[in-house]
Amino acid sequence: VHNSIVASGCIINGTVENSVLCRKVYVGNNCIIRNSIILNDVYIGDNSVIEHCIVESRDTIRANTTYIGTPENIRIVIEKNERYTM
């Protein structure tokens, strides 16, 4: 975790840089989160990459998923998949 804000209840098993993680975010193994905002209660599966994105609350990002925006075009991620219990 580098240059980021991480709220209580987060579990981080990957790399987080220049990002904000709200409460109860799970970051899986080998994930890369850069320049993004991850809202409350989000599960990010193993080997996922999220850059220049805002991930909506209560989302489940499946393993091996990539979402990449740009500084000029921030990507909004809304995934309504099966929930994992944290």
C-alpha atoms as a PDB file:
ATOM      1  CA  VAL A   1       0.000   0.000   0.000  1.00  0.00           C
ATOM      2  CA  HIS A   2       1.534   3.286  -1.116  1.00  0.00           C
ATOM      3  CA  ASN A   3       0.136   6.827  -0.984  1.00  0.00           C
ATOM      4  CA  SER A   4      -3.414   5.581  -0.292  1.00  0.00           C
ATOM      5  CA  ILE A   5      -6.212   5.872   2.244  1.00  0.00           C
ATOM      6  CA  VAL A   6      -7.554   2.569   3.578  1.00  0.00           C
ATOM      7  CA  ALA A   7     -10.604   2.425   5.867  1.00  0.00           C
ATOM      8  CA  SER A   8     -11.220  -0.074   8.646  1.00  0.00           C
ATOM      9  CA  GLY A   9     -12.247  -3.610   7.824  1.00  0.00           C
ATOM     10  CA  CYS A  10     -10.198  -3.883   4.621  1.00  0.00           C
ATOM     11  CA  ILE A  11      -8.164  -6.956   3.720  1.00  0.00           C
ATOM     12  CA  ILE A  12      -5.409  -6.294   1.192  1.00  0.00           C
ATOM     13  CA  ASN A  13      -3.444  -9.109  -0.426  1.00  0.00           C
ATOM     14  CA  GLY A  14      -2.281  -7.171  -3.482  1.00  0.00           C
ATOM     15  CA  THR A  15      -0.811  -3.806  -4.494  1.00  0.00           C
ATOM     16  CA  VAL A  16      -2.657  -0.536  -3.818  1.00  0.00           C
ATOM     17  CA  GLU A  17      -1.216   2.786  -5.033  1.00  0.00           C
ATOM     18  CA  ASN A  18      -2.653   6.323  -5.052  1.00  0.00           C
ATOM     19  CA  SER A  19      -6.136   5.039  -4.188  1.00  0.00           C
ATOM     20  CA  VAL A  20      -8.926   5.259  -1.629  1.00  0.00           C
ATOM     21  CA  LEU A  21     -10.461   2.077  -0.204  1.00  0.00           C
ATOM     22  CA  CYS A  22     -13.635   2.523   1.828  1.00  0.00           C
ATOM     23  CA  ARG A  23     -14.846   0.159   4.547  1.00  0.00           C
ATOM     24  CA  LYS A  24     -14.852  -3.626   4.118  1.00  0.00           C
ATOM     25  CA  VAL A  25     -12.948  -3.912   0.838  1.00  0.00           C
ATOM     26  CA  TYR A  26     -11.278  -7.233   0.059  1.00  0.00           C
ATOM     27  CA  VAL A  27      -8.378  -7.136  -2.414  1.00  0.00           C
ATOM     28  CA  GLY A  28      -7.360 -10.601  -3.605  1.00  0.00           C
ATOM     29  CA  ASN A  29      -3.928 -12.074  -4.204  1.00  0.00           C
ATOM     30  CA  ASN A  30      -1.777 -10.473  -6.931  1.00  0.00           C
ATOM     31  CA  CYS A  31      -4.295  -7.658  -7.562  1.00  0.00           C
ATOM     32  CA  ILE A  32      -3.180  -4.205  -8.668  1.00  0.00           C
ATOM     33  CA  ILE A  33      -5.282  -1.178  -7.698  1.00  0.00           C
ATOM     34  CA  ARG A  34      -3.974   2.194  -8.931  1.00  0.00           C
ATOM     35  CA  ASN A  35      -5.421   5.702  -8.991  1.00  0.00           C
ATOM     36  CA  SER A  36      -8.885   4.430  -8.053  1.00  0.00           C
ATOM     37  CA  ILE A  37     -11.668   4.781  -5.514  1.00  0.00           C
ATOM     38  CA  ILE A  38     -13.209   1.571  -4.199  1.00  0.00           C
ATOM     39  CA  LEU A  39     -16.446   2.176  -2.287  1.00  0.00           C
ATOM     40  CA  ASN A  40     -17.849   0.161   0.658  1.00  0.00           C
ATOM     41  CA  ASP A  41     -18.209  -3.617   0.766  1.00  0.00           C
ATOM     42  CA  VAL A  42     -16.414  -4.564  -2.465  1.00  0.00           C
ATOM     43  CA  TYR A  43     -14.797  -7.942  -3.164  1.00  0.00           C
ATOM     44  CA  ILE A  44     -11.999  -7.934  -5.761  1.00  0.00           C
ATOM     45  CA  GLY A  45     -10.987 -11.421  -6.894  1.00  0.00           C
ATOM     46  CA  ASP A  46      -7.417 -12.638  -7.360  1.00  0.00           C
ATOM     47  CA  ASN A  47      -5.240 -11.370 -10.236  1.00  0.00           C
ATOM     48  CA  SER A  48      -7.509  -8.405 -11.046  1.00  0.00           C
ATOM     49  CA  VAL A  49      -6.288  -5.003 -12.268  1.00  0.00           C
ATOM     50  CA  ILE A  50      -8.183  -1.767 -11.603  1.00  0.00           C
ATOM     51  CA  GLU A  51      -6.725   1.565 -12.729  1.00  0.00           C
ATOM     52  CA  HIS A  52      -8.350   5.015 -12.927  1.00  0.00           C
ATOM     53  CA  CYS A  53     -11.735   3.654 -11.820  1.00  0.00           C
ATOM     54  CA  ILE A  54     -14.485   4.212  -9.287  1.00  0.00           C
ATOM     55  CA  VAL A  55     -15.961   0.892  -8.134  1.00  0.00           C
ATOM     56  CA  GLU A  56     -19.520   1.134  -6.790  1.00  0.00           C
ATOM     57  CA  SER A  57     -20.501  -0.174  -3.338  1.00  0.00           C
ATOM     58  CA  ARG A  58     -21.327  -3.847  -2.835  1.00  0.00           C
ATOM     59  CA  ASP A  59     -19.710  -4.956  -6.090  1.00  0.00           C
ATOM     60  CA  THR A  60     -18.016  -8.279  -6.709  1.00  0.00           C
ATOM     61  CA  ILE A  61     -15.158  -8.112  -9.198  1.00  0.00           C
ATOM     62  CA  ARG A  62     -14.440 -11.644 -10.355  1.00  0.00           C
ATOM     63  CA  ALA A  63     -10.902 -13.045 -10.466  1.00  0.00           C
ATOM     64  CA  ASN A  64      -8.726 -12.214 -13.494  1.00  0.00           C
ATOM     65  CA  THR A  65     -10.754  -9.103 -14.381  1.00  0.00           C
ATOM     66  CA  THR A  66      -9.239  -5.899 -15.785  1.00  0.00           C
ATOM     67  CA  TYR A  67     -10.825  -2.438 -15.689  1.00  0.00           C
ATOM     68  CA  ILE A  68      -8.645   0.425 -16.902  1.00  0.00           C
ATOM     69  CA  GLY A  69      -9.698   4.026 -17.423  1.00  0.00           C
ATOM     70  CA  THR A  70      -7.548   7.087 -18.044  1.00  0.00           C
ATOM     71  CA  PRO A  71      -6.933  10.246 -16.009  1.00  0.00           C
ATOM     72  CA  GLU A  72      -9.184  12.100 -18.465  1.00  0.00           C
ATOM     73  CA  ASN A  73     -11.859   9.379 -18.599  1.00  0.00           C
ATOM     74  CA  ILE A  74     -12.400   7.763 -15.191  1.00  0.00           C
ATOM     75  CA  ARG A  75     -14.269   4.483 -15.559  1.00  0.00           C
ATOM     76  CA  ILE A  76     -17.276   3.756 -13.321  1.00  0.00           C
ATOM     77  CA  VAL A  77     -17.495   0.043 -12.495  1.00  0.00           C
ATOM     78  CA  ILE A  78     -20.850  -1.475 -11.548  1.00  0.00           C
ATOM     79  CA  GLU A  79     -20.850  -5.265 -11.228  1.00  0.00           C
ATOM     80  CA  LYS A  80     -23.825  -6.984  -9.653  1.00  0.00           C
ATOM     81  CA  ASN A  81     -22.594 -10.542  -9.237  1.00  0.00           C
ATOM     82  CA  GLU A  82     -22.945 -13.141  -6.518  1.00  0.00           C
ATOM     83  CA  ARG A  83     -21.843 -11.840  -3.146  1.00  0.00           C
ATOM     84  CA  TYR A  84     -18.991 -13.166  -1.077  1.00  0.00           C
ATOM     85  CA  THR A  85     -19.263 -13.074   2.692  1.00  0.00           C
ATOM     86  CA  MET A  86     -16.566 -11.100   4.468  1.00  0.00           C
END
